[in-house]
Amino acid sequence: MNIPAHAPLHLLHTAPTGTLATHARQPEGFPYPTVLPFAPDPQHRPVILVSRLAEHTHNLHADPRAGFLAVDAPGGDVLSGQRVTLLGTFEPVDSTPEVVQRYLRYHPDAERYLVLGDFTFWVMRLERLRYIGGFGAMGWLGGSELDPLPPLSGDEENALMSVFAGHSVSAGGFELLGVDRYGVDLKKNGARERFVFDDAKVNTESLHAALEDCMRR
């Protein structure tokens, strides 16, 4: 069944944690699942922050192929909620200011791990993904189908976020986490929310208009 790419895309922006399945070294070849926080990068791919001592990090160094599961299960009902399983390879990412700042917006408590000096960022290069949006709503997508549009640069996103921050969003208790061509990531009372645009915004003018609409609502 064909599914719209924006469905798994939005789920990757609202789920704060995911399940990483790596290939175990001992006993060799077995799936090794672990739950950990992640943040979407500008291309909506999971970025994880892991200790160099962790078993899953050792597994990724030996075999970077992995699965990654993100779930939205309101009320704990997993079968009626949304879930997406990503297949691909993880690669280390340099801890540039842009990478660090973006991750800390989504997970500010992670700053204490960065101070330790033994944690590194990894990003998933997508090969395929399977999305299930409920009974009868499911299908496969190629990794490149998740988002065919070019991602916003860090400077573009920061400029848009400064426009948003210039308004009194704090009155509504919202914290701005990120902006992309399909929506805005927000946090309120510790819970992540997403304002979804009516369609993809391909230029700066339409993005500004969509942000204005978000702020009005």
N, C-alpha and C. Protein backbone atom coordinates (compact mmCIF):
# COMPACT_ATOMS: atom_id res chain seq x y z
N MET A 1 0.85 -1.19 0.00
CA MET A 1 0.00 0.00 0.00
C MET A 1 0.88 1.24 0.00
N ASN A 2 0.55 2.18 -0.86
CA ASN A 2 1.29 3.43 -0.88
C ASN A 2 0.90 4.27 0.32
N ILE A 3 1.87 4.92 0.93
CA ILE A 3 1.62 5.78 2.07
C ILE A 3 2.27 7.13 1.82
N PRO A 4 1.70 8.21 2.34
CA PRO A 4 2.33 9.53 2.19
C PRO A 4 3.59 9.62 3.02
N ALA A 5 4.65 10.15 2.43
CA ALA A 5 5.93 10.22 3.14
C ALA A 5 5.84 11.09 4.38
N HIS A 6 4.92 12.07 4.39
CA HIS A 6 4.87 12.97 5.53
C HIS A 6 4.40 12.27 6.81
N ALA A 7 3.72 11.13 6.67
CA ALA A 7 3.23 10.44 7.87
C ALA A 7 4.39 9.94 8.73
N PRO A 8 5.31 9.13 8.22
CA PRO A 8 6.46 8.73 9.05
C PRO A 8 7.36 9.90 9.37
N LEU A 9 7.44 10.88 8.50
CA LEU A 9 8.28 12.06 8.74
C LEU A 9 7.84 12.77 10.01
N HIS A 10 6.53 13.02 10.13
CA HIS A 10 6.03 13.72 11.32
C HIS A 10 6.23 12.88 12.57
N LEU A 11 6.07 11.58 12.47
CA LEU A 11 6.27 10.71 13.63
C LEU A 11 7.70 10.80 14.14
N LEU A 12 8.66 10.90 13.24
CA LEU A 12 10.06 11.02 13.65
C LEU A 12 10.35 12.34 14.35
N HIS A 13 9.46 13.31 14.22
CA HIS A 13 9.63 14.59 14.90
C HIS A 13 8.89 14.65 16.24
N THR A 14 7.96 13.74 16.46
CA THR A 14 7.18 13.79 17.70
C THR A 14 7.61 12.75 18.72
N ALA A 15 8.21 11.66 18.27
CA ALA A 15 8.64 10.61 19.21
C ALA A 15 9.99 11.01 19.84
N PRO A 16 10.08 11.14 21.16
CA PRO A 16 11.34 11.55 21.79
C PRO A 16 12.35 10.42 21.95
N THR A 17 11.86 9.17 21.94
CA THR A 17 12.75 8.03 22.11
C THR A 17 12.47 6.99 21.03
N GLY A 18 13.46 6.13 20.79
CA GLY A 18 13.30 5.06 19.82
C GLY A 18 14.03 3.81 20.30
N THR A 19 13.79 2.72 19.60
CA THR A 19 14.47 1.46 19.90
C THR A 19 15.50 1.18 18.81
N LEU A 20 16.75 1.12 19.22
CA LEU A 20 17.85 0.83 18.30
C LEU A 20 18.17 -0.66 18.37
N ALA A 21 18.17 -1.32 17.21
CA ALA A 21 18.52 -2.75 17.14
C ALA A 21 19.80 -2.90 16.34
N THR A 22 20.87 -3.28 17.03
CA THR A 22 22.16 -3.50 16.39
C THR A 22 22.44 -5.00 16.32
N HIS A 23 23.53 -5.36 15.62
CA HIS A 23 23.95 -6.76 15.54
C HIS A 23 24.91 -7.04 16.70
N ALA A 24 24.52 -7.94 17.59
CA ALA A 24 25.35 -8.25 18.75
C ALA A 24 26.67 -8.89 18.33
N ARG A 25 27.72 -8.55 19.04
CA ARG A 25 29.02 -9.20 18.81
C ARG A 25 29.09 -10.51 19.58
N GLN A 26 28.47 -10.53 20.78
CA GLN A 26 28.45 -11.73 21.61
C GLN A 26 27.09 -11.84 22.30
N PRO A 27 26.30 -12.86 21.99
CA PRO A 27 26.54 -13.90 20.97
C PRO A 27 26.37 -13.31 19.57
N GLU A 28 27.26 -13.66 18.70
CA GLU A 28 27.39 -13.03 17.39
C GLU A 28 26.11 -13.16 16.56
N GLY A 29 25.72 -12.01 15.95
CA GLY A 29 24.65 -12.01 14.98
C GLY A 29 23.25 -11.80 15.52
N PHE A 30 23.06 -11.94 16.83
CA PHE A 30 21.72 -11.78 17.39
C PHE A 30 21.33 -10.30 17.40
N PRO A 31 20.04 -9.98 17.22
CA PRO A 31 19.59 -8.59 17.37
C PRO A 31 19.79 -8.13 18.81
N TYR A 32 20.29 -6.89 18.97
CA TYR A 32 20.53 -6.34 20.29
C TYR A 32 19.74 -5.03 20.40
N PRO A 33 18.52 -5.06 20.97
CA PRO A 33 17.71 -3.85 21.05
C PRO A 33 17.99 -3.05 22.32
N THR A 34 17.91 -1.74 22.19
CA THR A 34 18.05 -0.87 23.34
C THR A 34 17.24 0.40 23.07
N VAL A 35 16.68 0.99 24.11
CA VAL A 35 15.88 2.22 24.00
C VAL A 35 16.76 3.41 24.34
N LEU A 36 16.65 4.46 23.53
CA LEU A 36 17.45 5.65 23.78
C LEU A 36 16.81 6.87 23.13
N PRO A 37 17.13 8.08 23.63
CA PRO A 37 16.58 9.29 23.03
C PRO A 37 17.18 9.53 21.64
N PHE A 38 16.46 10.29 20.83
CA PHE A 38 17.01 10.71 19.54
C PHE A 38 16.37 12.04 19.16
N ALA A 39 17.01 12.69 18.21
CA ALA A 39 16.47 13.93 17.65
C ALA A 39 16.54 13.84 16.13
N PRO A 40 15.56 14.40 15.42
CA PRO A 40 15.63 14.39 13.96
C PRO A 40 16.62 15.42 13.46
N ASP A 41 17.42 15.06 12.46
CA ASP A 41 18.32 16.04 11.85
C ASP A 41 17.54 16.81 10.77
N PRO A 42 18.14 17.77 10.07
CA PRO A 42 17.40 18.53 9.06
C PRO A 42 16.80 17.67 7.95
N GLN A 43 17.29 16.43 7.79
CA GLN A 43 16.72 15.51 6.80
C GLN A 43 15.80 14.49 7.46
N HIS A 44 15.41 14.76 8.73
CA HIS A 44 14.45 13.95 9.48
C HIS A 44 15.00 12.59 9.90
N ARG A 45 16.31 12.40 9.81
CA ARG A 45 16.92 11.13 10.18
C ARG A 45 17.27 11.12 11.66
N PRO A 46 17.19 9.96 12.32
CA PRO A 46 17.50 9.90 13.74
C PRO A 46 18.97 10.21 14.03
N VAL A 47 19.20 11.11 14.96
CA VAL A 47 20.53 11.38 15.50
C VAL A 47 20.53 10.90 16.94
N ILE A 48 21.49 10.06 17.29
CA ILE A 48 21.60 9.52 18.65
C ILE A 48 22.91 9.97 19.28
N LEU A 49 22.91 10.04 20.59
CA LEU A 49 24.10 10.39 21.37
C LEU A 49 24.41 9.21 22.26
N VAL A 50 25.54 8.56 22.02
CA VAL A 50 25.83 7.30 22.71
C VAL A 50 27.24 7.32 23.32
N SER A 51 27.37 6.58 24.40
CA SER A 51 28.67 6.45 25.06
C SER A 51 29.58 5.52 24.27
N ARG A 52 30.86 5.83 24.26
CA ARG A 52 31.83 4.96 23.59
C ARG A 52 31.92 3.60 24.29
N LEU A 53 31.48 3.55 25.54
CA LEU A 53 31.56 2.30 26.31
C LEU A 53 30.32 1.42 26.14
N ALA A 54 29.26 1.96 25.54
CA ALA A 54 28.00 1.23 25.46
C ALA A 54 28.12 0.04 24.51
N GLU A 55 27.38 -1.01 24.84
CA GLU A 55 27.41 -2.22 24.01
C GLU A 55 26.93 -1.94 22.59
N HIS A 56 25.87 -1.12 22.47
CA HIS A 56 25.36 -0.84 21.12
C HIS A 56 26.36 -0.02 20.29
N THR A 57 27.18 0.80 20.95
CA THR A 57 28.20 1.54 20.22
C THR A 57 29.28 0.60 19.69
N HIS A 58 29.70 -0.33 20.52
CA HIS A 58 30.65 -1.34 20.04
C HIS A 58 30.06 -2.14 18.88
N ASN A 59 28.78 -2.46 18.99
CA ASN A 59 28.13 -3.20 17.90
C ASN A 59 28.14 -2.41 16.60
N LEU A 60 27.85 -1.11 16.68
CA LEU A 60 27.83 -0.27 15.47
C LEU A 60 29.21 -0.15 14.84
N HIS A 61 30.24 -0.10 15.66
CA HIS A 61 31.59 -0.05 15.10
C HIS A 61 31.91 -1.34 14.34
N ALA A 62 31.39 -2.45 14.84
CA ALA A 62 31.65 -3.74 14.18
C ALA A 62 30.77 -3.94 12.95
N ASP A 63 29.54 -3.45 13.01
CA ASP A 63 28.59 -3.59 11.90
C ASP A 63 27.60 -2.44 11.99
N PRO A 64 27.71 -1.43 11.12
CA PRO A 64 26.87 -0.23 11.25
C PRO A 64 25.43 -0.43 10.81
N ARG A 65 25.09 -1.59 10.26
CA ARG A 65 23.70 -1.83 9.87
C ARG A 65 22.83 -1.94 11.12
N ALA A 66 21.64 -1.35 11.04
CA ALA A 66 20.79 -1.35 12.23
C ALA A 66 19.34 -1.12 11.83
N GLY A 67 18.45 -1.42 12.78
CA GLY A 67 17.06 -1.05 12.68
C GLY A 67 16.75 -0.03 13.75
N PHE A 68 15.75 0.80 13.49
CA PHE A 68 15.38 1.83 14.46
C PHE A 68 13.87 1.97 14.45
N LEU A 69 13.23 1.83 15.61
CA LEU A 69 11.78 1.85 15.73
C LEU A 69 11.34 3.07 16.54
N ALA A 70 10.42 3.85 15.96
CA ALA A 70 9.79 4.97 16.67
C ALA A 70 8.29 4.71 16.74
N VAL A 71 7.70 4.98 17.91
CA VAL A 71 6.31 4.62 18.16
C VAL A 71 5.57 5.80 18.78
N ASP A 72 4.32 5.97 18.37
CA ASP A 72 3.39 6.89 19.03
C ASP A 72 2.21 6.05 19.48
N ALA A 73 2.11 5.82 20.77
CA ALA A 73 1.07 4.93 21.31
C ALA A 73 0.27 5.65 22.37
N PRO A 74 -0.72 6.46 21.98
CA PRO A 74 -1.54 7.16 22.98
C PRO A 74 -2.21 6.19 23.94
N GLY A 75 -2.06 6.45 25.21
CA GLY A 75 -2.67 5.59 26.20
C GLY A 75 -2.03 4.22 26.31
N GLY A 76 -0.86 4.06 25.66
CA GLY A 76 -0.18 2.78 25.72
C GLY A 76 -0.68 1.73 24.75
N ASP A 77 -1.62 2.10 23.87
CA ASP A 77 -2.17 1.15 22.89
C ASP A 77 -1.29 1.15 21.65
N VAL A 78 -0.29 0.29 21.64
CA VAL A 78 0.69 0.27 20.56
C VAL A 78 0.07 -0.13 19.24
N LEU A 79 -0.83 -1.10 19.24
CA LEU A 79 -1.36 -1.64 17.99
C LEU A 79 -2.24 -0.65 17.25
N SER A 80 -2.87 0.28 17.94
CA SER A 80 -3.71 1.26 17.26
C SER A 80 -2.99 2.56 16.98
N GLY A 81 -1.75 2.68 17.46
CA GLY A 81 -0.98 3.90 17.23
C GLY A 81 -0.13 3.83 15.98
N GLN A 82 0.68 4.85 15.79
CA GLN A 82 1.59 4.91 14.65
C GLN A 82 2.94 4.32 15.04
N ARG A 83 3.61 3.71 14.08
CA ARG A 83 4.98 3.27 14.30
C ARG A 83 5.70 3.18 12.97
N VAL A 84 6.99 3.42 13.03
CA VAL A 84 7.81 3.35 11.83
C VAL A 84 9.10 2.62 12.17
N THR A 85 9.46 1.68 11.32
CA THR A 85 10.70 0.92 11.46
C THR A 85 11.65 1.35 10.35
N LEU A 86 12.80 1.86 10.73
CA LEU A 86 13.81 2.33 9.78
C LEU A 86 14.91 1.30 9.65
N LEU A 87 15.37 1.08 8.42
CA LEU A 87 16.50 0.20 8.17
C LEU A 87 17.59 1.00 7.48
N GLY A 88 18.82 0.84 7.93
CA GLY A 88 19.91 1.59 7.33
C GLY A 88 21.21 1.38 8.08
N THR A 89 22.11 2.33 7.94
CA THR A 89 23.41 2.25 8.61
C THR A 89 23.64 3.52 9.41
N PHE A 90 24.31 3.38 10.54
CA PHE A 90 24.65 4.52 11.38
C PHE A 90 26.10 4.93 11.13
N GLU A 91 26.31 6.25 11.10
CA GLU A 91 27.65 6.80 10.91
C GLU A 91 27.93 7.85 11.98
N PRO A 92 29.18 7.90 12.49
CA PRO A 92 29.51 8.95 13.47
C PRO A 92 29.40 10.34 12.85
N VAL A 93 29.03 11.31 13.68
CA VAL A 93 28.88 12.70 13.25
C VAL A 93 29.76 13.56 14.14
N ASP A 94 30.48 14.49 13.54
CA ASP A 94 31.30 15.42 14.32
C ASP A 94 30.40 16.28 15.22
N SER A 95 30.88 16.56 16.41
CA SER A 95 30.11 17.37 17.37
C SER A 95 30.30 18.85 17.07
N THR A 96 29.82 19.28 15.90
CA THR A 96 29.89 20.68 15.53
C THR A 96 28.89 21.48 16.37
N PRO A 97 29.10 22.79 16.50
CA PRO A 97 28.14 23.60 17.27
C PRO A 97 26.71 23.45 16.76
N GLU A 98 26.55 23.33 15.44
CA GLU A 98 25.21 23.19 14.87
C GLU A 98 24.55 21.89 15.30
N VAL A 99 25.31 20.79 15.26
CA VAL A 99 24.78 19.48 15.67
C VAL A 99 24.44 19.49 17.16
N VAL A 100 25.36 20.02 17.97
CA VAL A 100 25.17 20.04 19.43
C VAL A 100 23.96 20.89 19.80
N GLN A 101 23.88 22.10 19.24
CA GLN A 101 22.79 23.01 19.59
C GLN A 101 21.44 22.43 19.21
N ARG A 102 21.37 21.82 18.04
CA ARG A 102 20.09 21.25 17.61
C ARG A 102 19.68 20.11 18.53
N TYR A 103 20.60 19.22 18.86
CA TYR A 103 20.27 18.08 19.71
C TYR A 103 19.84 18.56 21.10
N LEU A 104 20.53 19.54 21.64
CA LEU A 104 20.21 20.03 22.98
C LEU A 104 18.88 20.76 23.03
N ARG A 105 18.42 21.30 21.92
CA ARG A 105 17.08 21.89 21.91
C ARG A 105 16.03 20.80 22.17
N TYR A 106 16.25 19.63 21.59
CA TYR A 106 15.30 18.53 21.76
C TYR A 106 15.52 17.79 23.08
N HIS A 107 16.78 17.71 23.52
CA HIS A 107 17.10 16.97 24.74
C HIS A 107 18.09 17.79 25.58
N PRO A 108 17.62 18.84 26.26
CA PRO A 108 18.54 19.71 27.02
C PRO A 108 19.29 18.98 28.13
N ASP A 109 18.70 17.92 28.69
CA ASP A 109 19.39 17.19 29.76
C ASP A 109 20.64 16.47 29.27
N ALA A 110 20.78 16.32 27.94
CA ALA A 110 21.94 15.61 27.39
C ALA A 110 23.23 16.41 27.57
N GLU A 111 23.13 17.66 27.96
CA GLU A 111 24.35 18.46 28.14
C GLU A 111 25.28 17.85 29.18
N ARG A 112 24.70 17.21 30.19
CA ARG A 112 25.54 16.60 31.23
C ARG A 112 26.36 15.44 30.68
N TYR A 113 25.85 14.77 29.64
CA TYR A 113 26.61 13.68 29.02
C TYR A 113 27.73 14.23 28.13
N LEU A 114 27.45 15.32 27.46
CA LEU A 114 28.47 15.91 26.59
C LEU A 114 29.68 16.37 27.40
N VAL A 115 29.42 16.83 28.62
CA VAL A 115 30.51 17.31 29.47
C VAL A 115 31.48 16.18 29.80
N LEU A 116 30.99 14.95 29.84
CA LEU A 116 31.84 13.81 30.20
C LEU A 116 32.91 13.53 29.15
N GLY A 117 32.62 13.89 27.90
CA GLY A 117 33.62 13.77 26.85
C GLY A 117 33.70 12.43 26.15
N ASP A 118 32.95 11.42 26.61
CA ASP A 118 33.07 10.12 25.96
C ASP A 118 31.82 9.76 25.14
N PHE A 119 30.91 10.74 24.95
CA PHE A 119 29.71 10.52 24.17
C PHE A 119 29.88 11.09 22.76
N THR A 120 29.37 10.38 21.77
CA THR A 120 29.49 10.79 20.37
C THR A 120 28.12 10.74 19.70
N PHE A 121 27.98 11.55 18.66
CA PHE A 121 26.75 11.58 17.87
C PHE A 121 26.88 10.62 16.68
N TRP A 122 25.77 9.97 16.37
CA TRP A 122 25.66 9.12 15.18
C TRP A 122 24.36 9.45 14.47
N VAL A 123 24.36 9.37 13.15
CA VAL A 123 23.16 9.61 12.35
C VAL A 123 22.88 8.39 11.48
N MET A 124 21.60 8.13 11.25
CA MET A 124 21.21 6.96 10.45
C MET A 124 21.03 7.34 8.99
N ARG A 125 21.72 6.61 8.12
CA ARG A 125 21.53 6.74 6.68
C ARG A 125 20.45 5.74 6.27
N LEU A 126 19.34 6.24 5.80
CA LEU A 126 18.17 5.38 5.57
C LEU A 126 18.26 4.61 4.26
N GLU A 127 17.93 3.34 4.33
CA GLU A 127 17.79 2.51 3.14
C GLU A 127 16.31 2.30 2.81
N ARG A 128 15.57 1.82 3.79
CA ARG A 128 14.14 1.60 3.63
C ARG A 128 13.45 1.85 4.96
N LEU A 129 12.16 2.05 4.90
CA LEU A 129 11.39 2.20 6.13
C LEU A 129 9.98 1.66 5.92
N ARG A 130 9.42 1.12 7.00
CA ARG A 130 8.05 0.61 6.97
C ARG A 130 7.23 1.37 8.00
N TYR A 131 6.14 1.95 7.54
CA TYR A 131 5.27 2.76 8.39
C TYR A 131 3.94 2.06 8.58
N ILE A 132 3.45 2.04 9.81
CA ILE A 132 2.13 1.51 10.13
C ILE A 132 1.37 2.61 10.87
N GLY A 133 0.29 3.07 10.26
CA GLY A 133 -0.48 4.16 10.85
C GLY A 133 -1.77 3.71 11.49
N GLY A 134 -1.91 2.42 11.73
CA GLY A 134 -3.15 1.87 12.24
C GLY A 134 -3.60 0.73 11.36
N PHE A 135 -4.72 0.14 11.68
CA PHE A 135 -5.20 -1.02 10.94
C PHE A 135 -5.43 -0.67 9.47
N GLY A 136 -4.77 -1.39 8.55
CA GLY A 136 -4.96 -1.19 7.12
C GLY A 136 -4.18 -0.04 6.52
N ALA A 137 -3.46 0.71 7.34
CA ALA A 137 -2.67 1.84 6.83
C ALA A 137 -1.20 1.53 7.05
N MET A 138 -0.57 0.96 6.03
CA MET A 138 0.83 0.56 6.19
C MET A 138 1.49 0.45 4.84
N GLY A 139 2.80 0.49 4.83
CA GLY A 139 3.52 0.33 3.58
C GLY A 139 5.00 0.64 3.74
N TRP A 140 5.76 0.35 2.67
CA TRP A 140 7.20 0.57 2.62
C TRP A 140 7.51 1.83 1.84
N LEU A 141 8.60 2.49 2.21
CA LEU A 141 9.15 3.61 1.45
C LEU A 141 10.66 3.42 1.34
N GLY A 142 11.23 3.88 0.22
CA GLY A 142 12.68 3.95 0.11
C GLY A 142 13.20 5.11 0.94
N GLY A 143 14.44 5.01 1.37
CA GLY A 143 14.99 6.07 2.21
C GLY A 143 14.92 7.45 1.57
N SER A 144 15.14 7.53 0.25
CA SER A 144 15.11 8.82 -0.43
C SER A 144 13.71 9.37 -0.58
N GLU A 145 12.70 8.54 -0.37
CA GLU A 145 11.31 8.98 -0.52
C GLU A 145 10.79 9.71 0.72
N LEU A 146 11.51 9.61 1.82
CA LEU A 146 11.04 10.25 3.05
C LEU A 146 10.89 11.75 2.85
N ASP A 147 11.84 12.36 2.17
CA ASP A 147 11.76 13.79 1.89
C ASP A 147 12.59 14.10 0.65
N PRO A 148 11.94 14.35 -0.50
CA PRO A 148 12.67 14.63 -1.73
C PRO A 148 13.17 16.07 -1.82
N LEU A 149 12.73 16.94 -0.91
CA LEU A 149 13.11 18.34 -0.97
C LEU A 149 14.44 18.58 -0.25
N PRO A 150 15.20 19.59 -0.68
CA PRO A 150 16.46 19.89 0.02
C PRO A 150 16.17 20.39 1.44
N PRO A 151 16.95 19.96 2.43
CA PRO A 151 16.70 20.40 3.81
C PRO A 151 17.09 21.86 4.00
N LEU A 152 16.52 22.46 5.03
CA LEU A 152 16.92 23.81 5.40
C LEU A 152 18.34 23.77 5.96
N SER A 153 19.12 24.78 5.64
CA SER A 153 20.44 24.89 6.24
C SER A 153 20.29 25.37 7.68
N GLY A 154 21.34 25.24 8.44
CA GLY A 154 21.31 25.71 9.81
C GLY A 154 21.01 27.20 9.90
N ASP A 155 21.60 27.98 8.98
CA ASP A 155 21.35 29.43 8.98
C ASP A 155 19.90 29.74 8.63
N GLU A 156 19.33 28.99 7.69
CA GLU A 156 17.93 29.21 7.32
C GLU A 156 16.99 28.90 8.49
N GLU A 157 17.26 27.78 9.15
CA GLU A 157 16.40 27.42 10.28
C GLU A 157 16.55 28.42 11.43
N ASN A 158 17.77 28.84 11.72
CA ASN A 158 17.98 29.80 12.80
C ASN A 158 17.29 31.12 12.51
N ALA A 159 17.32 31.55 11.24
CA ALA A 159 16.66 32.80 10.88
C ALA A 159 15.16 32.70 11.09
N LEU A 160 14.57 31.57 10.69
CA LEU A 160 13.14 31.37 10.89
C LEU A 160 12.80 31.29 12.38
N MET A 161 13.65 30.63 13.14
CA MET A 161 13.40 30.50 14.58
C MET A 161 13.49 31.84 15.29
N SER A 162 14.36 32.72 14.80
CA SER A 162 14.47 34.05 15.42
C SER A 162 13.20 34.86 15.18
N VAL A 163 12.55 34.66 14.04
CA VAL A 163 11.27 35.33 13.78
C VAL A 163 10.23 34.84 14.77
N PHE A 164 10.18 33.53 14.95
CA PHE A 164 9.22 32.93 15.87
C PHE A 164 9.50 33.40 17.30
N ALA A 165 10.77 33.40 17.69
CA ALA A 165 11.14 33.77 19.06
C ALA A 165 10.85 35.23 19.34
N GLY A 166 10.75 36.05 18.29
CA GLY A 166 10.45 37.46 18.48
C GLY A 166 9.02 37.73 18.88
N HIS A 167 8.16 36.73 18.81
CA HIS A 167 6.77 36.86 19.23
C HIS A 167 6.61 36.27 20.64
N SER A 168 5.52 36.60 21.27
CA SER A 168 5.33 36.20 22.67
C SER A 168 4.80 34.76 22.76
N VAL A 169 5.57 33.80 22.22
CA VAL A 169 5.13 32.41 22.29
C VAL A 169 5.22 31.88 23.72
N SER A 170 6.07 32.50 24.54
CA SER A 170 6.20 32.02 25.91
C SER A 170 4.90 32.17 26.68
N ALA A 171 4.04 33.09 26.23
CA ALA A 171 2.76 33.27 26.91
C ALA A 171 1.91 32.00 26.83
N GLY A 172 2.08 31.26 25.77
CA GLY A 172 1.35 30.01 25.64
C GLY A 172 2.10 28.83 26.23
N GLY A 173 3.26 29.08 26.79
CA GLY A 173 4.03 28.01 27.40
C GLY A 173 4.76 27.13 26.42
N PHE A 174 4.92 27.58 25.17
CA PHE A 174 5.58 26.78 24.15
C PHE A 174 7.06 27.14 24.03
N GLU A 175 7.86 26.12 23.76
CA GLU A 175 9.28 26.29 23.47
C GLU A 175 9.53 25.79 22.06
N LEU A 176 10.21 26.58 21.25
CA LEU A 176 10.48 26.21 19.86
C LEU A 176 11.71 25.31 19.79
N LEU A 177 11.54 24.15 19.14
CA LEU A 177 12.64 23.20 19.00
C LEU A 177 13.25 23.20 17.62
N GLY A 178 12.43 23.25 16.58
CA GLY A 178 12.95 23.18 15.22
C GLY A 178 11.90 23.53 14.19
N VAL A 179 12.39 23.89 13.00
CA VAL A 179 11.52 24.23 11.87
C VAL A 179 12.02 23.49 10.64
N ASP A 180 11.10 22.96 9.86
CA ASP A 180 11.46 22.35 8.58
C ASP A 180 10.39 22.69 7.57
N ARG A 181 10.47 22.14 6.39
CA ARG A 181 9.54 22.50 5.32
C ARG A 181 8.13 21.94 5.51
N TYR A 182 7.96 21.09 6.52
CA TYR A 182 6.68 20.41 6.70
C TYR A 182 5.99 20.76 8.02
N GLY A 183 6.71 21.41 8.93
CA GLY A 183 6.08 21.72 10.20
C GLY A 183 7.05 22.35 11.19
N VAL A 184 6.54 22.56 12.40
CA VAL A 184 7.30 23.19 13.49
C VAL A 184 7.25 22.25 14.70
N ASP A 185 8.41 22.02 15.30
CA ASP A 185 8.48 21.20 16.51
C ASP A 185 8.46 22.11 17.73
N LEU A 186 7.55 21.80 18.66
CA LEU A 186 7.36 22.61 19.86
C LEU A 186 7.39 21.71 21.10
N LYS A 187 7.61 22.33 22.24
CA LYS A 187 7.54 21.60 23.50
C LYS A 187 6.72 22.44 24.48
N LYS A 188 5.82 21.76 25.19
CA LYS A 188 5.01 22.43 26.21
C LYS A 188 4.86 21.49 27.39
N ASN A 189 5.21 22.00 28.57
CA ASN A 189 5.13 21.21 29.80
C ASN A 189 5.89 19.89 29.67
N GLY A 190 7.03 19.94 28.98
CA GLY A 190 7.88 18.77 28.84
C GLY A 190 7.47 17.80 27.75
N ALA A 191 6.31 18.02 27.11
CA ALA A 191 5.82 17.12 26.06
C ALA A 191 6.04 17.75 24.69
N ARG A 192 6.49 16.95 23.75
CA ARG A 192 6.76 17.44 22.41
C ARG A 192 5.48 17.45 21.58
N GLU A 193 5.28 18.52 20.83
CA GLU A 193 4.14 18.66 19.93
C GLU A 193 4.65 19.10 18.56
N ARG A 194 3.84 18.90 17.53
CA ARG A 194 4.23 19.31 16.19
C ARG A 194 3.08 20.03 15.52
N PHE A 195 3.36 21.22 15.02
CA PHE A 195 2.40 21.95 14.20
C PHE A 195 2.69 21.61 12.74
N VAL A 196 1.74 20.95 12.10
CA VAL A 196 1.94 20.46 10.74
C VAL A 196 1.41 21.48 9.74
N PHE A 197 2.24 21.83 8.75
CA PHE A 197 1.80 22.73 7.69
C PHE A 197 0.81 22.01 6.77
N ASP A 198 0.01 22.79 6.06
CA ASP A 198 -0.98 22.18 5.17
C ASP A 198 -0.33 21.53 3.95
N ASP A 199 0.87 21.98 3.59
CA ASP A 199 1.64 21.35 2.52
C ASP A 199 3.11 21.73 2.70
N ALA A 200 3.97 21.14 1.89
CA ALA A 200 5.40 21.43 2.00
C ALA A 200 5.69 22.86 1.55
N LYS A 201 6.55 23.55 2.27
CA LYS A 201 6.90 24.93 1.96
C LYS A 201 8.26 24.95 1.27
N VAL A 202 8.25 25.31 0.00
CA VAL A 202 9.46 25.17 -0.82
C VAL A 202 10.32 26.43 -0.86
N ASN A 203 9.82 27.55 -0.31
CA ASN A 203 10.62 28.77 -0.34
C ASN A 203 10.46 29.54 0.97
N THR A 204 11.31 30.55 1.14
CA THR A 204 11.33 31.31 2.40
C THR A 204 10.02 32.03 2.65
N GLU A 205 9.42 32.57 1.60
CA GLU A 205 8.18 33.32 1.77
C GLU A 205 7.06 32.45 2.31
N SER A 206 6.91 31.25 1.74
CA SER A 206 5.84 30.37 2.21
C SER A 206 6.12 29.86 3.62
N LEU A 207 7.40 29.67 3.97
CA LEU A 207 7.75 29.25 5.32
C LEU A 207 7.42 30.34 6.34
N HIS A 208 7.71 31.60 5.99
CA HIS A 208 7.37 32.70 6.88
C HIS A 208 5.86 32.76 7.10
N ALA A 209 5.09 32.61 6.02
CA ALA A 209 3.63 32.65 6.13
C ALA A 209 3.12 31.51 7.00
N ALA A 210 3.71 30.32 6.86
CA ALA A 210 3.28 29.17 7.66
C ALA A 210 3.61 29.39 9.14
N LEU A 211 4.76 30.01 9.43
CA LEU A 211 5.11 30.30 10.81
C LEU A 211 4.16 31.32 11.42
N GLU A 212 3.77 32.33 10.63
CA GLU A 212 2.81 33.30 11.11
C GLU A 212 1.49 32.62 11.46
N ASP A 213 1.08 31.68 10.63
CA ASP A 213 -0.15 30.93 10.90
C ASP A 213 -0.02 30.13 12.17
N CYS A 214 1.14 29.51 12.36
CA CYS A 214 1.39 28.74 13.59
C CYS A 214 1.27 29.63 14.81
N MET A 215 1.84 30.82 14.75
CA MET A 215 1.82 31.72 15.90
C MET A 215 0.42 32.24 16.18
N ARG A 216 -0.37 32.45 15.15
CA ARG A 216 -1.75 32.90 15.35
C ARG A 216 -2.59 31.85 16.06
N ARG A 217 -2.30 30.58 15.77
CA ARG A 217 -3.09 29.50 16.36
C ARG A 217 -2.64 29.16 17.77
